[in-house]
Amino acid sequence: MKLPDNPDVGTVEDFVREKFRIARQFIEDAKEAHNRESNNTAVNRAYYALFKVVTAVQTLDKKKFRSHGQAIGNFNYEYIHQRGIFPETYGEKLYDVMRLRHKSDYEEFDDPTDEQAQDAISFAEEFFEMARCYCEGHMENKKEK
């Protein structure tokens, strides 16, 4: 993925908007899976929505990481603890959903409960909205400068 502005692939802002578009689709997929009582799929899609949102925020600063753990670790450190942009509880919730997704994807007979799936989806929606507002404000401020 190329992060700098490039007329062939779009601007950083285009990348951010695309990540949010995909994240929104993943949230809708998670809700549909949850309605079908497919909690593994619901948690998986909710997690990937969260991950897309994390990387959208980081893309504004032209940051890219090799692993999910690195991206979430950086987000937790920089955007939660260092800058205080997002609530501290978000770091813990991100790690909780990441662990739940990993467990449900790779450990047989350890399916998430209905409540865990719903909590993951609800957090993905909440985080999506807060991060979207932050990113829109960041992009608007950049335009004004």
Foldseek 3Di string as FASTA:
>chain_A
DDLPADVVPHHLVVLLVVLLVQLVVLLVQLVVCLVVVNLLSNLLSLLSSVLSLLVSLVSLVPDDDDDSVVSLVCCLVPVCPNVNLDDNVLSVLNVVSVVLNVCSVPPPPDGDDSVVSVVSSVSSVVSSVSSVVVVVVSVVVVVVD
